Amino acid sequence: MAHARTIPAASALAVGKSSSAKPSIWTRLLNAIAEANMRRAEREIAIYLQNGGKFTDETEREIERRFLNRR
């Protein structure tokens, strides 16, 4: 796929800007919120695993129930 390097980023095509353009304030805000939520979930999962011991199917289901199904 030698031609793949010549194709600009999809986000640049969608908004008609070069790929080096700075993201909008809203994009940066949403990215910051998503990253903060991911760090919080990872901290809570780490605490859960420290208290629970082994990583079993039951542990995986509990993690999914607690942290991934929030809406």
C-alpha atoms as a PDB file:
ATOM      1  CA  MET A   1       0.000   0.000   0.000  1.00  0.00           C
ATOM      2  CA  ALA A   2       2.448   2.626  -1.129  1.00  0.00           C
ATOM      3  CA  HIS A   3      -0.337   5.108  -1.849  1.00  0.00           C
ATOM      4  CA  ALA A   4      -1.576   5.148   1.765  1.00  0.00           C
ATOM      5  CA  ARG A   5       1.029   7.751   2.758  1.00  0.00           C
ATOM      6  CA  THR A   6      -0.227  10.256   0.223  1.00  0.00           C
ATOM      7  CA  ILE A   7      -3.803  10.290   1.527  1.00  0.00           C
ATOM      8  CA  PRO A   8      -4.456  13.080   4.098  1.00  0.00           C
ATOM      9  CA  ALA A   9      -6.075  12.274   7.425  1.00  0.00           C
ATOM     10  CA  ALA A  10      -9.819  11.621   7.328  1.00  0.00           C
ATOM     11  CA  SER A  11     -10.481  14.477   9.747  1.00  0.00           C
ATOM     12  CA  ALA A  12      -8.686  16.886   7.436  1.00  0.00           C
ATOM     13  CA  LEU A  13     -10.870  15.796   4.538  1.00  0.00           C
ATOM     14  CA  ALA A  14     -14.069  16.141   6.538  1.00  0.00           C
ATOM     15  CA  VAL A  15     -13.493  19.759   7.529  1.00  0.00           C
ATOM     16  CA  GLY A  16     -11.268  20.837   4.641  1.00  0.00           C
ATOM     17  CA  LYS A  17      -8.296  21.736   6.863  1.00  0.00           C
ATOM     18  CA  SER A  18      -4.753  20.465   6.839  1.00  0.00           C
ATOM     19  CA  SER A  19      -3.919  17.646   9.245  1.00  0.00           C
ATOM     20  CA  SER A  20      -1.706  20.003  11.279  1.00  0.00           C
ATOM     21  CA  ALA A  21      -4.622  22.315  12.224  1.00  0.00           C
ATOM     22  CA  LYS A  22      -5.280  22.756  15.942  1.00  0.00           C
ATOM     23  CA  PRO A  23      -8.480  21.025  17.144  1.00  0.00           C
ATOM     24  CA  SER A  24     -11.354  23.264  18.167  1.00  0.00           C
ATOM     25  CA  ILE A  25     -11.966  24.102  21.810  1.00  0.00           C
ATOM     26  CA  TRP A  26     -15.000  21.782  21.834  1.00  0.00           C
ATOM     27  CA  THR A  27     -12.989  18.886  20.426  1.00  0.00           C
ATOM     28  CA  ARG A  28     -10.275  19.438  23.024  1.00  0.00           C
ATOM     29  CA  LEU A  29     -12.877  19.694  25.798  1.00  0.00           C
ATOM     30  CA  LEU A  30     -14.640  16.494  24.747  1.00  0.00           C
ATOM     31  CA  ASN A  31     -11.293  14.694  24.425  1.00  0.00           C
ATOM     32  CA  ALA A  32     -10.285  15.861  27.910  1.00  0.00           C
ATOM     33  CA  ILE A  33     -13.585  14.658  29.383  1.00  0.00           C
ATOM     34  CA  ALA A  34     -13.266  11.277  27.647  1.00  0.00           C
ATOM     35  CA  GLU A  35      -9.678  10.867  28.872  1.00  0.00           C
ATOM     36  CA  ALA A  36     -10.672  11.813  32.437  1.00  0.00           C
ATOM     37  CA  ASN A  37     -13.505   9.269  32.372  1.00  0.00           C
ATOM     38  CA  MET A  38     -11.135   6.596  31.042  1.00  0.00           C
ATOM     39  CA  ARG A  39      -8.567   7.313  33.781  1.00  0.00           C
ATOM     40  CA  ARG A  40     -11.311   7.195  36.441  1.00  0.00           C
ATOM     41  CA  ALA A  41     -12.611   3.864  35.150  1.00  0.00           C
ATOM     42  CA  GLU A  42      -9.081   2.435  35.002  1.00  0.00           C
ATOM     43  CA  ARG A  43      -8.451   3.531  38.617  1.00  0.00           C
ATOM     44  CA  GLU A  44     -11.706   1.965  39.783  1.00  0.00           C
ATOM     45  CA  ILE A  45     -10.964  -1.266  37.892  1.00  0.00           C
ATOM     46  CA  ALA A  46      -7.476  -1.427  39.424  1.00  0.00           C
ATOM     47  CA  ILE A  47      -8.948  -0.999  42.915  1.00  0.00           C
ATOM     48  CA  TYR A  48     -11.585  -3.639  42.189  1.00  0.00           C
ATOM     49  CA  LEU A  49      -8.944  -6.107  40.986  1.00  0.00           C
ATOM     50  CA  GLN A  50      -6.712  -5.420  43.996  1.00  0.00           C
ATOM     51  CA  ASN A  51      -9.574  -6.279  46.330  1.00  0.00           C
ATOM     52  CA  GLY A  52     -10.857  -9.220  44.322  1.00  0.00           C
ATOM     53  CA  GLY A  53      -7.712 -11.181  43.515  1.00  0.00           C
ATOM     54  CA  LYS A  54      -7.926 -13.315  40.383  1.00  0.00           C
ATOM     55  CA  PHE A  55      -9.241 -12.061  37.058  1.00  0.00           C
ATOM     56  CA  THR A  56     -12.032 -14.520  36.322  1.00  0.00           C
ATOM     57  CA  ASP A  57     -15.030 -14.518  34.013  1.00  0.00           C
ATOM     58  CA  GLU A  58     -17.110 -13.328  36.957  1.00  0.00           C
ATOM     59  CA  THR A  59     -14.668 -10.461  37.561  1.00  0.00           C
ATOM     60  CA  GLU A  60     -14.834  -9.483  33.902  1.00  0.00           C
ATOM     61  CA  ARG A  61     -18.644  -9.476  33.971  1.00  0.00           C
ATOM     62  CA  GLU A  62     -18.636  -7.342  37.126  1.00  0.00           C
ATOM     63  CA  ILE A  63     -16.243  -4.828  35.544  1.00  0.00           C
ATOM     64  CA  GLU A  64     -18.430  -4.602  32.450  1.00  0.00           C
ATOM     65  CA  ARG A  65     -21.554  -4.209  34.567  1.00  0.00           C
ATOM     66  CA  ARG A  66     -20.046  -1.497  36.778  1.00  0.00           C
ATOM     67  CA  PHE A  67     -17.925   0.532  34.394  1.00  0.00           C
ATOM     68  CA  LEU A  68     -18.708  -0.110  30.756  1.00  0.00           C
ATOM     69  CA  ASN A  69     -22.495  -0.054  30.738  1.00  0.00           C
ATOM     70  CA  ARG A  70     -22.897   3.445  32.185  1.00  0.00           C
ATOM     71  CA  ARG A  71     -25.135   5.634  30.050  1.00  0.00           C
END
